Amino acid sequence: MLNKYARSQIFFHWLTVLLLIIAYATIELRGLAEKGTWQRNAMMITHFSAGFSVMIIMLARLYLRSRKTTPPVTPPLARWQTGLSHLVHTLLYALFIVLPALGLTSRYLRAKEWSLFGLNMPVAATPDPATASMLINLHETLAPLGYWLIGLHALAALFHHYFLRDTTLRRIMP
C-alpha cells in the first residue's frame, strides 16, 4: 500500500516500542531485587539484552528508511511540522543507537563478567574504570531524554490522529 510504511518498517517500529518498554522497565524496577540475587542479575541481563536489541533494530530501521519510500501524510503537513518531525525522529534514532553503545561499552571496559541473552560477553583485557564510569554516567544522564522524546512522539501521533485527522498515525499501524 502506498499510504502505509512497509510491513518490515511497521514490525520493527512496534518491536522497538516493546523492547524500549522492557529496557526502561527493567532498569526502573531493578531496585525491587536485592543486589547479588539471581532476580537482580536477570533484570540486568534483560536490560542489557533489550538495549542491545534496540540498537541493532534502530540500525536496521535506518537501513530500511534509506531503501523504502516514506508514505505521504494526507492532508499534507505544514513545513514546520515536517521539520519538527524530522528533528524528533533524528533525535530518537540517535539516542537509541548511542545509549546502548554507551552502556555496552562501559560494561566491556569494566572488565567484569557480564552477559547478553545469558551468554557471557568479552571484557577488556585491561580494565579502564575511569572511562567505563564516564560512559555509564553519560548513559544515565541521556536515558531520561528517551522518556521525553517518546512522549513527544506519541503525543504528536495522537494529536495528528484525533485533532488534525490526518494519516500520520495510520501509516505506521499494523
Protein backbone atom coordinates (compact mmCIF):
# COMPACT_ATOMS: atom_id res chain seq x y z
CA MET A 1 0.00 0.00 0.00
CA LEU A 2 1.30 3.42 -0.90
CA ASN A 3 -0.25 5.15 2.12
CA LYS A 4 1.47 2.93 4.73
CA TYR A 5 5.02 2.13 5.69
CA ALA A 6 6.42 -1.22 4.53
CA ARG A 7 5.45 -4.19 6.71
CA SER A 8 9.07 -4.56 7.83
CA GLN A 9 9.16 -0.93 8.97
CA ILE A 10 5.88 -1.31 10.86
CA PHE A 11 7.10 -4.53 12.50
CA PHE A 12 10.42 -3.00 13.58
CA HIS A 13 8.71 0.15 14.86
CA TRP A 14 6.43 -1.78 17.20
CA LEU A 15 9.19 -4.22 18.19
CA THR A 16 11.28 -1.20 19.16
CA VAL A 17 8.41 0.06 21.33
CA LEU A 18 8.17 -3.32 23.10
CA LEU A 19 11.95 -3.55 23.63
CA LEU A 20 12.13 0.02 24.96
CA ILE A 21 9.36 -0.78 27.46
CA ILE A 22 11.38 -3.81 28.59
CA ALA A 23 14.67 -1.89 28.79
CA TYR A 24 13.21 1.02 30.74
CA ALA A 25 11.04 -1.18 32.98
CA THR A 26 13.89 -3.48 33.98
CA ILE A 27 16.19 -0.62 34.91
CA GLU A 28 13.46 1.27 36.78
CA LEU A 29 12.35 -1.85 38.67
CA ARG A 30 15.80 -3.27 39.41
CA GLY A 31 15.63 -1.86 42.92
CA LEU A 32 12.91 -4.39 43.74
CA ALA A 33 15.54 -7.12 43.58
CA GLU A 34 18.40 -7.18 46.06
CA LYS A 35 21.92 -6.78 44.70
CA GLY A 36 23.67 -10.09 44.14
CA THR A 37 20.47 -12.11 43.72
CA TRP A 38 19.56 -14.07 40.62
CA GLN A 39 16.49 -11.83 40.21
CA ARG A 40 18.63 -8.68 40.06
CA ASN A 41 21.06 -10.42 37.69
CA ALA A 42 18.14 -11.47 35.45
CA MET A 43 16.85 -7.89 35.37
CA MET A 44 20.25 -6.54 34.38
CA ILE A 45 20.77 -9.20 31.68
CA THR A 46 17.31 -8.37 30.35
CA HIS A 47 18.11 -4.64 30.38
CA PHE A 48 21.41 -5.15 28.54
CA SER A 49 19.85 -7.56 26.03
CA ALA A 50 16.85 -5.33 25.31
CA GLY A 51 19.14 -2.30 24.89
CA PHE A 52 21.44 -4.18 22.54
CA SER A 53 18.41 -5.34 20.53
CA VAL A 54 17.10 -1.77 20.31
CA MET A 55 20.44 -0.61 18.92
CA ILE A 56 20.53 -3.35 16.27
CA ILE A 57 16.89 -2.76 15.30
CA MET A 58 17.40 1.00 15.08
CA LEU A 59 20.31 0.42 12.70
CA ALA A 60 18.10 -1.92 10.65
CA ARG A 61 15.38 0.72 10.66
CA LEU A 62 17.83 3.33 9.37
CA TYR A 63 18.78 0.96 6.57
CA LEU A 64 15.10 0.38 5.71
CA ARG A 65 14.43 4.14 5.73
CA SER A 66 17.14 4.53 3.11
CA ARG A 67 15.59 1.82 0.93
CA LYS A 68 11.86 2.41 1.31
CA THR A 69 9.80 5.45 0.44
CA THR A 70 8.06 7.35 3.21
CA PRO A 71 4.31 7.33 2.66
CA PRO A 72 2.82 10.81 2.34
CA VAL A 73 0.63 12.30 5.06
CA THR A 74 -2.83 13.22 3.86
CA PRO A 75 -3.62 16.08 4.04
CA PRO A 76 -0.01 17.29 3.71
CA LEU A 77 1.72 18.70 6.78
CA ALA A 78 2.86 22.28 7.18
CA ARG A 79 6.60 22.69 6.56
CA TRP A 80 7.27 23.46 10.23
CA GLN A 81 5.53 20.22 11.25
CA THR A 82 7.60 18.21 8.78
CA GLY A 83 10.77 19.87 10.07
CA LEU A 84 9.88 19.21 13.70
CA SER A 85 9.00 15.61 12.85
CA HIS A 86 12.38 15.09 11.18
CA LEU A 87 14.15 16.60 14.20
CA VAL A 88 12.35 14.36 16.71
CA HIS A 89 12.92 11.26 14.57
CA THR A 90 16.61 12.10 14.20
CA LEU A 91 16.93 12.53 17.96
CA LEU A 92 15.09 9.24 18.60
CA TYR A 93 17.34 7.31 16.22
CA ALA A 94 20.50 8.92 17.59
CA LEU A 95 19.52 8.39 21.22
CA PHE A 96 18.55 4.76 20.83
CA ILE A 97 21.74 3.92 18.97
CA VAL A 98 24.04 5.92 21.25
CA LEU A 99 22.51 4.87 24.61
CA PRO A 100 23.06 1.12 24.13
CA ALA A 101 26.52 1.74 22.65
CA LEU A 102 27.49 3.73 25.76
CA GLY A 103 26.06 1.17 28.15
CA LEU A 104 27.59 -1.86 26.44
CA THR A 105 30.98 -0.21 26.01
CA SER A 106 31.03 0.71 29.70
CA ARG A 107 30.33 -2.95 30.57
CA TYR A 108 33.16 -4.08 28.33
CA LEU A 109 35.62 -1.59 29.83
CA ARG A 110 34.75 -2.54 33.42
CA ALA A 111 36.33 -5.92 32.63
CA LYS A 112 33.88 -7.70 34.94
CA GLU A 113 31.77 -10.63 33.84
CA TRP A 114 28.55 -9.63 32.07
CA SER A 115 26.21 -11.22 29.57
CA LEU A 116 23.73 -10.64 26.76
CA PHE A 117 20.87 -13.07 26.34
CA GLY A 118 22.54 -15.21 29.01
CA LEU A 119 25.77 -15.51 27.01
CA ASN A 120 29.00 -14.31 28.58
CA MET A 121 30.42 -11.37 26.69
CA PRO A 122 34.07 -10.43 26.19
CA VAL A 123 35.68 -7.95 28.51
CA ALA A 124 38.65 -5.65 28.11
CA ALA A 125 42.00 -7.29 28.87
CA THR A 126 42.97 -4.13 30.72
CA PRO A 127 40.13 -2.58 32.72
CA ASP A 128 39.52 1.14 32.27
CA PRO A 129 37.23 2.02 35.19
CA ALA A 130 37.52 5.78 34.65
CA THR A 131 36.29 5.61 31.06
CA ALA A 132 33.68 2.98 31.99
CA SER A 133 32.37 5.27 34.73
CA MET A 134 32.29 8.28 32.40
CA LEU A 135 30.36 6.30 29.76
CA ILE A 136 27.80 4.90 32.19
CA ASN A 137 27.30 8.37 33.70
CA LEU A 138 26.64 9.74 30.21
CA HIS A 139 24.29 6.78 29.55
CA GLU A 140 22.37 7.51 32.77
CA THR A 141 22.26 11.25 32.02
CA LEU A 142 20.90 10.80 28.49
CA ALA A 143 18.46 7.94 29.25
CA PRO A 144 15.70 10.16 30.73
CA LEU A 145 15.68 12.11 27.45
CA GLY A 146 14.12 8.97 25.97
CA TYR A 147 11.01 9.40 28.11
CA TRP A 148 10.57 12.94 26.81
CA LEU A 149 11.20 12.10 23.17
CA ILE A 150 8.96 9.03 23.25
CA GLY A 151 6.25 11.04 24.99
CA LEU A 152 6.51 13.89 22.47
CA HIS A 153 6.46 11.39 19.59
CA ALA A 154 3.38 9.58 20.93
CA LEU A 155 1.53 12.81 21.76
CA ALA A 156 2.22 14.19 18.29
CA ALA A 157 0.91 10.99 16.68
CA LEU A 158 -2.26 11.11 18.79
CA PHE A 159 -2.70 14.86 18.10
CA HIS A 160 -2.43 14.23 14.36
CA HIS A 161 -4.87 11.32 14.56
CA TYR A 162 -7.57 12.82 16.80
CA PHE A 163 -7.31 16.57 16.20
CA LEU A 164 -5.82 17.10 12.77
CA ARG A 165 -7.39 13.87 11.49
CA ASP A 166 -4.58 13.18 9.06
CA THR A 167 -2.93 9.85 8.21
CA THR A 168 0.23 10.28 10.30
CA LEU A 169 -0.61 7.53 12.80
CA ARG A 170 -2.43 5.22 10.39
CA ARG A 171 0.71 4.95 8.23
CA ILE A 172 2.56 3.03 10.98
CA MET A 173 -0.32 0.95 12.35
CA PRO A 174 -0.25 -2.79 11.60
